[in-house]
Amino acid sequence: SRSTKALGPIADYERAHPSVSIIVLNFNKALLTLQCLTSLWQYTVGHSYEVIVVDNGSSDRDLAILNTIRGPYRTVLLTVNRYFGEANNIGAEAAKGDILVFMNNDIVVTPGWLDPLIRTLHEFPDAGAVGPTFLYPDGRLQEAGALVREDGWTIQRGKYSDSDPSLYANTEPVDYVSAATVAIKASSF
């Protein structure tokens, strides 16, 4: 078991019966994964959760770095790179939560990030999956879901816009959300 002394209290982390399983892939980017995990431990509150890091066949050097990360998470080690889809499926198989959150390791969450996703899944039971609004580090809007036009082209809401991110703060139906962070009921998955 990994120590959490340096991290402070992680009140809602639950190993045995979490309501949410957060699955993060790592492939030769352990330091990036550390940043993601640190933000998760700091800002994930209000729901019991677990974190599963699926290592996608990283080098021995990267695994050594990954193994130094202290905090509550489980690791699923793959001996070869199973790539994005299969590695996430393997993480889902290891998950205990009723809700799965798939998250890229370059994501840094902010306060209050999880509750809107969970609330939306419950308020809109027909939603297949939900995603957050993504912001660039400087606060500009990166994306708020996407639409698919009749000709097959996609429109990422807010992309390349100087729009105020609060204009996209309302829950809106979209055709898809970015797989960089996506929440889905385990029963639907």
Protein backbone atom coordinates (compact mmCIF):
# COMPACT_ATOMS: atom_id res chain seq x y z
CA SER A 1 0.00 0.00 0.00
CA ARG A 2 1.34 3.43 -0.91
CA SER A 3 1.77 6.13 1.74
CA THR A 4 -0.31 9.32 1.54
CA LYS A 5 1.58 11.42 4.13
CA ALA A 6 2.83 13.99 1.65
CA LEU A 7 -0.58 14.44 0.08
CA GLY A 8 -2.72 15.40 3.05
CA PRO A 9 -6.17 13.96 3.64
CA ILE A 10 -7.79 12.07 0.79
CA ALA A 11 -11.19 11.73 2.41
CA ASP A 12 -13.22 10.17 -0.38
CA TYR A 13 -10.73 7.59 -1.66
CA GLU A 14 -12.33 4.15 -1.25
CA ARG A 15 -10.53 0.91 -2.07
CA ALA A 16 -13.28 -1.62 -1.34
CA HIS A 17 -16.54 -0.15 -2.67
CA PRO A 18 -15.98 3.05 -4.67
CA SER A 19 -18.86 4.62 -6.55
CA VAL A 20 -16.49 5.99 -9.22
CA SER A 21 -13.50 4.33 -10.88
CA ILE A 22 -11.07 6.74 -12.54
CA ILE A 23 -8.93 4.98 -15.16
CA VAL A 24 -5.72 6.70 -16.25
CA LEU A 25 -3.38 5.28 -18.89
CA ASN A 26 0.37 5.66 -18.64
CA PHE A 27 2.86 4.98 -21.43
CA ASN A 28 6.35 6.29 -20.76
CA LYS A 29 5.02 9.49 -19.16
CA ALA A 30 5.13 8.76 -15.42
CA LEU A 31 5.88 12.38 -14.47
CA LEU A 32 2.81 13.52 -16.42
CA THR A 33 0.80 10.79 -14.71
CA LEU A 34 2.05 12.07 -11.34
CA GLN A 35 0.66 15.55 -12.12
CA CYS A 36 -2.69 14.04 -13.08
CA LEU A 37 -2.85 11.86 -9.96
CA THR A 38 -1.84 14.71 -7.67
CA SER A 39 -4.68 16.87 -9.01
CA LEU A 40 -7.12 13.97 -8.66
CA TRP A 41 -6.17 13.39 -5.04
CA GLN A 42 -6.43 17.10 -4.30
CA TYR A 43 -9.71 17.90 -6.05
CA THR A 44 -11.81 14.73 -6.12
CA VAL A 45 -14.39 15.13 -3.37
CA GLY A 46 -18.02 14.30 -2.73
CA HIS A 47 -17.98 10.81 -4.25
CA SER A 48 -16.15 7.70 -3.15
CA TYR A 49 -13.59 6.85 -5.80
CA GLU A 50 -10.67 4.71 -6.77
CA VAL A 51 -7.87 5.40 -9.25
CA ILE A 52 -6.58 2.70 -11.57
CA VAL A 53 -3.41 3.43 -13.52
CA VAL A 54 -3.03 1.13 -16.51
CA ASP A 55 0.60 1.06 -17.55
CA ASN A 56 0.63 0.36 -21.25
CA GLY A 57 3.98 -1.45 -21.48
CA SER A 58 6.26 1.42 -20.45
CA SER A 59 10.02 1.15 -20.38
CA ASP A 60 11.75 -0.13 -17.24
CA ARG A 61 12.97 3.42 -16.60
CA ASP A 62 9.45 4.87 -16.70
CA LEU A 63 8.09 2.03 -14.56
CA ALA A 64 10.74 2.80 -11.95
CA ILE A 65 9.49 6.40 -11.85
CA LEU A 66 5.86 5.26 -11.73
CA ASN A 67 6.67 2.99 -8.80
CA THR A 68 7.95 5.97 -6.79
CA ILE A 69 4.59 7.74 -6.93
CA ARG A 70 3.12 7.72 -3.43
CA GLY A 71 -0.61 7.88 -2.98
CA PRO A 72 -3.69 5.72 -3.25
CA TYR A 73 -4.04 4.03 -6.62
CA ARG A 74 -3.92 0.57 -8.14
CA THR A 75 -1.70 -0.32 -11.04
CA VAL A 76 -2.49 -2.71 -13.86
CA LEU A 77 0.77 -3.55 -15.61
CA LEU A 78 0.65 -4.56 -19.25
CA THR A 79 3.79 -6.08 -20.73
CA VAL A 80 3.18 -4.55 -24.16
CA ASN A 81 1.45 -1.42 -25.43
CA ARG A 82 -2.20 -2.39 -25.92
CA TYR A 83 -2.94 1.12 -27.15
CA PHE A 84 -5.76 3.38 -26.07
CA GLY A 85 -8.91 1.32 -26.57
CA GLU A 86 -7.81 -2.06 -25.31
CA ALA A 87 -5.88 -0.62 -22.37
CA ASN A 88 -8.96 1.33 -21.27
CA ASN A 89 -11.06 -1.83 -21.61
CA ILE A 90 -8.58 -3.67 -19.38
CA GLY A 91 -8.82 -0.83 -16.86
CA ALA A 92 -12.63 -1.05 -16.96
CA GLU A 93 -12.43 -4.78 -16.23
CA ALA A 94 -10.40 -4.00 -13.09
CA ALA A 95 -12.80 -1.25 -11.97
CA LYS A 96 -15.15 -1.60 -9.00
CA GLY A 97 -17.19 1.60 -9.40
CA ASP A 98 -20.67 2.03 -10.82
CA ILE A 99 -19.35 4.95 -12.87
CA LEU A 100 -16.22 4.79 -15.00
CA VAL A 101 -14.20 7.90 -15.76
CA PHE A 102 -11.61 7.45 -18.47
CA MET A 103 -8.96 10.15 -18.25
CA ASN A 104 -5.82 10.96 -20.21
CA ASN A 105 -2.74 11.37 -18.06
CA ASP A 106 -2.17 14.92 -19.34
CA ILE A 107 -5.35 16.12 -17.62
CA VAL A 108 -5.11 18.29 -14.53
CA VAL A 109 -8.47 18.54 -12.78
CA THR A 110 -9.70 21.57 -10.90
CA PRO A 111 -11.96 22.00 -7.86
CA GLY A 112 -15.47 20.66 -8.39
CA TRP A 113 -14.60 18.72 -11.52
CA LEU A 114 -16.34 15.41 -10.77
CA ASP A 115 -19.75 16.39 -9.41
CA PRO A 116 -21.13 17.90 -12.65
CA LEU A 117 -20.25 14.72 -14.55
CA ILE A 118 -21.95 12.45 -12.01
CA ARG A 119 -24.95 14.74 -11.65
CA THR A 120 -25.42 14.89 -15.43
CA LEU A 121 -25.31 11.10 -15.75
CA HIS A 122 -28.06 10.85 -13.12
CA GLU A 123 -30.20 13.75 -14.37
CA PHE A 124 -30.07 12.61 -18.00
CA PRO A 125 -30.35 8.82 -17.92
CA ASP A 126 -30.44 8.68 -21.75
CA ALA A 127 -26.98 10.24 -21.97
CA GLY A 128 -24.56 7.58 -23.14
CA ALA A 129 -21.57 9.43 -21.74
CA VAL A 130 -20.70 12.87 -20.44
CA GLY A 131 -17.60 15.00 -20.61
CA PRO A 132 -16.32 18.22 -19.09
CA THR A 133 -15.47 21.55 -20.59
CA PHE A 134 -11.74 21.54 -21.38
CA LEU A 135 -9.66 24.64 -20.78
CA TYR A 136 -6.12 25.38 -21.89
CA PRO A 137 -3.68 26.11 -19.03
CA ASP A 138 -4.10 29.85 -19.70
CA GLY A 139 -7.87 29.58 -19.09
CA ARG A 140 -9.02 29.79 -22.71
CA LEU A 141 -11.71 27.37 -23.84
CA GLN A 142 -10.36 24.30 -25.62
CA GLU A 143 -13.55 22.33 -26.19
CA ALA A 144 -17.04 21.81 -24.80
CA GLY A 145 -18.21 18.66 -26.57
CA ALA A 146 -18.61 18.23 -30.30
CA LEU A 147 -21.22 17.97 -33.00
CA VAL A 148 -21.14 15.98 -36.24
CA ARG A 149 -22.47 17.76 -39.32
CA GLU A 150 -24.52 15.96 -41.95
CA ASP A 151 -21.47 15.83 -44.23
CA GLY A 152 -19.45 14.05 -41.51
CA TRP A 153 -17.29 17.00 -40.49
CA THR A 154 -17.08 17.70 -36.78
CA ILE A 155 -17.44 20.92 -34.87
CA GLN A 156 -15.81 21.07 -31.46
CA ARG A 157 -17.86 23.56 -29.47
CA GLY A 158 -15.72 26.58 -28.59
CA LYS A 159 -12.54 25.35 -30.31
CA TYR A 160 -10.38 28.17 -31.70
CA SER A 161 -12.64 30.69 -30.06
CA ASP A 162 -11.84 33.53 -27.73
CA SER A 163 -15.25 32.97 -26.15
CA ASP A 164 -15.69 33.22 -22.44
CA PRO A 165 -15.67 29.60 -21.15
CA SER A 166 -18.72 30.42 -19.00
CA LEU A 167 -20.76 30.64 -22.23
CA TYR A 168 -20.38 26.86 -22.44
CA ALA A 169 -21.05 26.12 -18.77
CA ASN A 170 -24.59 24.83 -19.32
CA THR A 171 -25.28 21.17 -19.92
CA GLU A 172 -25.93 20.65 -23.62
CA PRO A 173 -26.54 17.54 -25.70
CA VAL A 174 -23.67 16.88 -28.10
CA ASP A 175 -22.88 14.11 -30.55
CA TYR A 176 -19.69 13.11 -28.77
CA VAL A 177 -17.29 14.19 -26.04
CA SER A 178 -13.54 14.00 -26.07
CA ALA A 179 -12.06 10.77 -24.78
CA ALA A 180 -9.53 12.88 -22.86
CA THR A 181 -12.03 12.69 -19.99
CA VAL A 182 -15.31 10.87 -20.30
CA ALA A 183 -17.70 9.48 -17.69
CA ILE A 184 -20.05 6.59 -18.34
CA LYS A 185 -22.15 4.27 -16.23
CA ALA A 186 -20.39 0.92 -15.89
CA SER A 187 -23.68 -0.81 -16.75
CA SER A 188 -23.81 1.09 -20.06
CA PHE A 189 -20.16 0.43 -20.81
